[in-house]
C-alpha atoms as a PDB file:
ATOM      1  CA  MET A   1     -19.112-111.754  70.279  1.00  0.00           C
ATOM      2  CA  ALA A   2     -22.230-113.802  69.633  1.00  0.00           C
ATOM      3  CA  GLU A   3     -22.462-115.978  66.468  1.00  0.00           C
ATOM      4  CA  GLU A   4     -24.297-114.236  63.694  1.00  0.00           C
ATOM      5  CA  GLY A   5     -27.153-116.908  63.664  1.00  0.00           C
ATOM      6  CA  PHE A   6     -27.503-116.937  67.417  1.00  0.00           C
ATOM      7  CA  HIS A   7     -30.977-115.621  68.868  1.00  0.00           C
ATOM      8  CA  ASP A   8     -31.224-115.021  72.482  1.00  0.00           C
ATOM      9  CA  TYR A   9     -34.846-115.859  73.566  1.00  0.00           C
ATOM     10  CA  THR A  10     -34.321-115.044  77.112  1.00  0.00           C
ATOM     11  CA  LEU A  11     -34.717-111.285  76.677  1.00  0.00           C
ATOM     12  CA  ALA A  12     -36.747-110.105  79.613  1.00  0.00           C
ATOM     13  CA  THR A  13     -38.260-106.716  78.746  1.00  0.00           C
ATOM     14  CA  ASN A  14     -40.229-105.320  75.802  1.00  0.00           C
ATOM     15  CA  LEU A  15     -37.440-102.727  75.248  1.00  0.00           C
ATOM     16  CA  GLU A  16     -34.871-105.356  75.070  1.00  0.00           C
ATOM     17  CA  ARG A  17     -36.931-107.070  72.366  1.00  0.00           C
ATOM     18  CA  LEU A  18     -37.244-103.873  70.480  1.00  0.00           C
ATOM     19  CA  VAL A  19     -33.537-103.306  70.615  1.00  0.00           C
ATOM     20  CA  ALA A  20     -32.996-106.790  69.390  1.00  0.00           C
ATOM     21  CA  GLN A  21     -35.130-105.987  66.434  1.00  0.00           C
ATOM     22  CA  VAL A  22     -33.266-102.892  65.755  1.00  0.00           C
ATOM     23  CA  GLU A  23     -30.065-104.681  65.741  1.00  0.00           C
ATOM     24  CA  GLN A  24     -31.379-107.292  63.325  1.00  0.00           C
ATOM     25  CA  CYS A  25     -32.418-104.576  61.031  1.00  0.00           C
ATOM     26  CA  PHE A  26     -28.987-102.924  61.097  1.00  0.00           C
ATOM     27  CA  ARG A  27     -27.338-106.354  60.465  1.00  0.00           C
ATOM     28  CA  GLY A  28     -29.612-106.744  57.574  1.00  0.00           C
ATOM     29  CA  TRP A  29     -28.493-103.488  55.912  1.00  0.00           C
ATOM     30  CA  MET A  30     -24.784-104.164  56.783  1.00  0.00           C
ATOM     31  CA  LEU A  31     -25.009-107.676  54.954  1.00  0.00           C
ATOM     32  CA  THR A  32     -26.724-105.879  51.940  1.00  0.00           C
ATOM     33  CA  GLY A  33     -23.926-103.345  51.943  1.00  0.00           C
ATOM     34  CA  LEU A  34     -24.145 -99.571  51.347  1.00  0.00           C
ATOM     35  CA  GLU A  35     -22.780 -99.913  47.887  1.00  0.00           C
ATOM     36  CA  ASN A  36     -25.614-102.100  46.887  1.00  0.00           C
ATOM     37  CA  ILE A  37     -28.239 -99.913  48.597  1.00  0.00           C
ATOM     38  CA  SER A  38     -26.894 -96.883  46.843  1.00  0.00           C
ATOM     39  CA  HIS A  39     -27.779 -98.355  43.424  1.00  0.00           C
ATOM     40  CA  MET A  40     -31.540 -98.691  44.198  1.00  0.00           C
ATOM     41  CA  PRO A  41     -33.854 -96.306  42.702  1.00  0.00           C
ATOM     42  CA  PRO A  42     -33.783 -92.845  44.494  1.00  0.00           C
ATOM     43  CA  ALA A  43     -36.529 -91.604  46.555  1.00  0.00           C
ATOM     44  CA  THR A  44     -38.937 -89.033  45.187  1.00  0.00           C
ATOM     45  CA  GLY A  45     -39.485 -85.605  46.826  1.00  0.00           C
ATOM     46  CA  PRO A  46     -42.781 -83.823  47.421  1.00  0.00           C
ATOM     47  CA  ASP A  47     -42.821 -82.717  43.849  1.00  0.00           C
ATOM     48  CA  LYS A  48     -42.496 -86.469  42.730  1.00  0.00           C
ATOM     49  CA  GLN A  49     -39.056 -85.648  41.291  1.00  0.00           C
ATOM     50  CA  PRO A  50     -36.126 -88.134  41.969  1.00  0.00           C
ATOM     51  CA  THR A  51     -33.823 -86.844  44.841  1.00  0.00           C
ATOM     52  CA  ASN A  52     -30.162 -87.766  45.265  1.00  0.00           C
ATOM     53  CA  VAL A  53     -31.046 -90.055  48.227  1.00  0.00           C
ATOM     54  CA  VAL A  54     -32.039 -93.738  48.548  1.00  0.00           C
ATOM     55  CA  ARG A  55     -34.403 -94.292  51.441  1.00  0.00           C
ATOM     56  CA  VAL A  56     -34.814 -97.910  52.836  1.00  0.00           C
ATOM     57  CA  SER A  57     -37.287 -98.249  55.545  1.00  0.00           C
ATOM     58  CA  ASN A  58     -38.156-101.192  57.916  1.00  0.00           C
ATOM     59  CA  ALA A  59     -41.149-101.420  60.047  1.00  0.00           C
ATOM     60  CA  LEU A  60     -40.360-103.076  63.285  1.00  0.00           C
ATOM     61  CA  LYS A  61     -42.672-105.873  64.275  1.00  0.00           C
ATOM     62  CA  HIS A  62     -42.345-105.447  68.114  1.00  0.00           C
ATOM     63  CA  LYS A  63     -44.365-102.654  69.632  1.00  0.00           C
ATOM     64  CA  LEU A  64     -43.846-101.060  73.144  1.00  0.00           C
ATOM     65  CA  PRO A  65     -46.879-100.915  75.520  1.00  0.00           C
ATOM     66  CA  TRP A  66     -47.184 -97.226  75.474  1.00  0.00           C
ATOM     67  CA  ARG A  67     -47.283 -96.828  71.624  1.00  0.00           C
ATOM     68  CA  GLU A  68     -49.758 -98.262  69.195  1.00  0.00           C
ATOM     69  CA  GLN A  69     -48.145 -97.689  65.938  1.00  0.00           C
ATOM     70  CA  PRO A  70     -44.986 -99.610  64.975  1.00  0.00           C
ATOM     71  CA  TYR A  71     -41.621 -98.011  64.882  1.00  0.00           C
ATOM     72  CA  VAL A  72     -40.039 -97.494  61.496  1.00  0.00           C
ATOM     73  CA  LEU A  73     -36.350 -97.189  60.876  1.00  0.00           C
ATOM     74  CA  THR A  74     -35.217 -95.434  57.761  1.00  0.00           C
ATOM     75  CA  LEU A  75     -31.837 -95.524  56.257  1.00  0.00           C
ATOM     76  CA  HIS A  76     -30.835 -92.673  53.976  1.00  0.00           C
ATOM     77  CA  VAL A  77     -28.074 -93.330  51.552  1.00  0.00           C
ATOM     78  CA  PRO A  78     -26.735 -91.066  48.826  1.00  0.00           C
ATOM     79  CA  TYR A  79     -27.846 -92.216  45.462  1.00  0.00           C
ATOM     80  CA  MET A  80     -24.874 -93.166  43.173  1.00  0.00           C
ATOM     81  CA  LYS A  81     -25.301 -93.397  39.404  1.00  0.00           C
ATOM     82  CA  GLU A  82     -23.161 -96.236  37.706  1.00  0.00           C
ATOM     83  CA  ALA A  83     -20.576 -93.808  36.350  1.00  0.00           C
ATOM     84  CA  GLU A  84     -20.072 -92.336  40.016  1.00  0.00           C
ATOM     85  CA  LEU A  85     -19.936 -95.729  41.363  1.00  0.00           C
ATOM     86  CA  GLN A  86     -17.087 -96.820  38.885  1.00  0.00           C
ATOM     87  CA  ALA A  87     -15.147 -93.676  39.665  1.00  0.00           C
ATOM     88  CA  ALA A  88     -15.472 -94.277  43.375  1.00  0.00           C
ATOM     89  CA  LYS A  89     -14.287 -97.898  42.944  1.00  0.00           C
ATOM     90  CA  GLN A  90     -11.295 -96.688  40.983  1.00  0.00           C
ATOM     91  CA  ARG A  91     -10.385 -94.153  43.662  1.00  0.00           C
ATOM     92  CA  GLN A  92     -10.696 -96.927  46.383  1.00  0.00           C
ATOM     93  CA  GLN A  93      -8.416 -99.155  44.387  1.00  0.00           C
ATOM     94  CA  GLN A  94      -5.889 -96.452  43.863  1.00  0.00           C
ATOM     95  CA  GLN A  95      -5.881 -95.792  47.537  1.00  0.00           C
ATOM     96  CA  GLN A  96      -5.406 -99.282  48.456  1.00  0.00           C
ATOM     97  CA  GLN A  97      -2.426 -99.683  45.994  1.00  0.00           C
ATOM     98  CA  ARG A  98      -0.844 -96.631  47.461  1.00  0.00           C
ATOM     99  CA  LEU A  99      -1.131 -98.230  51.015  1.00  0.00           C
ATOM    100  CA  ARG A 100       0.829-101.379  49.754  1.00  0.00           C
END
């Protein structure tokens, strides 16, 4: 597996460059962690009321020749209130203790 900081500048096609940017976006989300993302303010619906989902979007800088608009990746993560997060952490710790 390639090193995390390695960038391959020999990518030959526009599609390969786009895929590299998609991978970079996914890596950034993984480094941030879903748990941290789930604490962000929830998205608002059409009625401007908060939903139970956090949306994180990333516009890709690279465009393909047949599309003028940039592609946008959006990650949808369930919103977790602090009390729900604490309960989830406790359940996870209990499961880990049972496995030991």
